[in-house]
Protein backbone atom coordinates (compact mmCIF):
# COMPACT_ATOMS: atom_id res chain seq x y z
CA MET A 1 83.72 92.07 95.61
CA ARG A 2 87.56 92.38 95.15
CA GLN A 3 89.55 94.85 97.57
CA VAL A 4 92.48 96.62 98.01
CA PHE A 5 94.23 97.33 101.52
CA LEU A 6 96.88 100.38 101.22
CA LEU A 7 99.74 99.66 103.27
CA PHE A 8 101.98 103.16 102.42
CA SER A 9 101.95 106.71 103.71
CA HIS A 10 100.52 108.06 100.14
CA GLN A 11 97.38 108.51 98.56
CA LEU A 12 96.55 106.63 95.24
CA THR A 13 96.88 108.62 91.79
CA PRO A 14 94.00 108.31 89.37
CA THR A 15 96.50 106.30 87.34
CA GLN A 16 96.89 103.72 90.12
CA LYS A 17 93.11 103.33 91.04
CA ASP A 18 92.27 103.30 87.39
CA GLU A 19 94.70 100.13 87.12
CA LEU A 20 93.45 98.76 90.48
CA LYS A 21 89.88 98.71 89.13
CA ASN A 22 90.42 97.80 85.21
CA LYS A 23 93.06 95.32 85.53
CA TYR A 24 92.93 93.94 89.30
CA LYS A 25 88.90 94.28 89.17
CA VAL A 26 89.19 96.19 92.60
CA ASP A 27 85.64 97.90 93.52
CA LYS A 28 86.52 98.75 97.10
CA ILE A 29 89.79 100.62 98.27
CA ILE A 30 90.58 101.09 102.06
CA TYR A 31 92.69 103.08 103.85
CA LEU A 32 94.42 101.91 106.94
CA PRO A 33 92.33 103.73 109.87
CA ALA A 34 94.37 107.15 111.20
CA GLU A 35 95.73 105.33 114.33
CA LEU A 36 97.10 102.90 112.19
CA GLN A 37 98.25 104.89 109.77
CA ASP A 38 100.17 106.79 112.44
CA ILE A 39 101.71 103.30 113.45
CA TRP A 40 102.64 102.31 109.81
CA SER A 41 104.17 105.87 108.84
CA ASN A 42 106.31 106.27 112.03
CA ILE A 43 108.34 102.66 113.00
CA PRO A 44 110.81 103.87 115.44
CA PRO A 45 113.73 103.41 114.47
CA GLU A 46 115.24 102.58 118.14
CA LEU A 47 113.32 99.48 118.10
CA PRO A 48 115.58 96.16 118.24
CA SER A 49 112.56 94.35 116.61
CA ILE A 50 109.18 95.66 115.50
CA LYS A 51 106.77 92.51 115.38
CA ASP A 52 105.05 93.47 118.30
CA TYR A 53 104.91 97.02 117.15
CA LEU A 54 102.96 96.33 113.83
CA GLN A 55 100.59 93.67 115.92
CA ASP A 56 97.54 95.96 115.62
CA ILE A 57 97.68 96.55 112.17
CA LEU A 58 98.36 92.69 111.45
CA ILE A 59 95.19 92.29 113.65
CA TRP A 60 92.97 94.51 111.88
CA LEU A 61 94.33 93.11 108.11
CA LYS A 62 93.47 89.71 109.20
CA GLU A 63 89.73 90.75 110.78
CA ASN A 64 88.89 92.92 107.64
CA SER A 65 90.26 91.00 104.53
CA LYS A 66 89.60 87.44 102.86
CA PRO A 67 91.56 85.54 100.48
CA LYS A 68 92.34 87.31 97.45
CA ASP A 69 92.31 90.59 98.10
CA LEU A 70 95.07 92.77 97.55
CA VAL A 71 97.56 94.45 99.75
CA LEU A 72 99.69 97.63 98.61
CA VAL A 73 102.40 97.09 101.23
CA GLN A 74 105.08 100.14 100.42
CA GLY A 75 107.09 101.56 103.68
CA GLU A 76 110.06 100.54 106.02
CA PHE A 77 111.78 97.80 104.35
CA GLY A 78 111.39 95.50 107.86
CA ALA A 79 108.22 96.49 108.25
CA VAL A 80 107.14 95.54 104.20
CA PHE A 81 108.88 92.15 105.13
CA ILE A 82 106.92 91.41 107.76
CA LEU A 83 103.33 92.00 106.23
CA VAL A 84 104.26 90.91 102.89
CA ASN A 85 105.12 87.45 104.06
CA PHE A 86 101.76 87.95 106.56
CA CYS A 87 100.13 88.40 103.23
CA MET A 88 100.95 85.61 101.63
CA LYS A 89 100.25 82.91 104.76
CA GLU A 90 96.50 84.54 104.67
CA GLY A 91 96.07 83.99 100.89
CA LEU A 92 96.10 87.87 100.12
CA ILE A 93 98.03 89.32 97.25
CA PRO A 94 100.83 91.72 98.83
CA ILE A 95 101.59 94.06 95.64
CA TYR A 96 103.74 97.26 95.29
CA ALA A 97 104.01 100.25 93.01
CA THR A 98 106.76 100.55 90.67
CA THR A 99 107.64 103.92 89.09
CA LYS A 100 109.63 105.78 86.14
CA ARG A 101 111.89 108.45 87.63
CA GLU A 102 113.01 111.57 85.97
CA VAL A 103 116.03 113.69 87.13
CA SER A 104 116.89 117.09 86.19
CA GLU A 105 119.28 119.07 87.02
CA GLU A 106 119.99 122.83 86.98
CA ILE A 107 123.36 125.20 87.74
CA LEU A 108 121.92 128.14 89.24
CA LYS A 109 123.47 131.61 89.16
CA ASP A 110 125.04 131.51 92.05
CA GLY A 111 126.68 128.47 91.79
CA THR A 112 124.55 125.57 93.13
CA VAL A 113 122.92 122.60 92.25
CA GLN A 114 119.17 122.32 92.47
CA LEU A 115 117.87 118.88 91.43
CA SER A 116 114.06 118.18 90.45
CA ARG A 117 112.61 114.92 90.30
CA LYS A 118 109.50 113.52 88.68
CA PHE A 119 108.09 110.28 89.31
CA SER A 120 105.26 108.58 87.20
CA HIS A 121 103.34 105.12 88.15
CA VAL A 122 104.03 102.47 85.51
CA ARG A 123 102.11 99.43 87.09
CA PHE A 124 101.89 97.55 90.11
CA ARG A 125 104.04 94.70 90.69
CA GLU A 126 103.39 91.56 92.97
CA PHE A 127 105.81 90.12 95.52
CA GLU A 128 106.74 86.65 94.70
CA MET A 129 108.62 84.12 96.34
C-alpha cells in the first residue's frame, strides 16, 4: 500500500488523483489534520526561524509515514525547503505539482484591464538533489 501525504493548501483535482493512482500506484491520500493544516497554511512571516514552528508537522509525518511514501509539498518557500530535506532524510519521496498557466487580458469599457488566469495540472515532479 502506497500513501501520499498532502502538505499544501488546496484540494486535489480529479486529474491529480488519477495521476497519483495510476502513475505512482497510490491507494491512500492523507490530508493534514485540521490543526496541522492551520500551521502549514499560516506560517508567521515575523518568525526569524520556522523549524520549531513546523515540529508538530514533522513529528506527525514521521509517525504516520513509511519509506517510499510520497509527500506532496507546496507552500511557503522556507517551509517547503525544510520539509523536502526532512522527506529525503526519512526515505520519503517529496513531489510537487506543475501547471500550465493561461492568462487572458480584457480591456473593459471604463478603461480598466481585467486579467483572467487559468491553471491546469500537467504532472507531478519529484524534488531532486
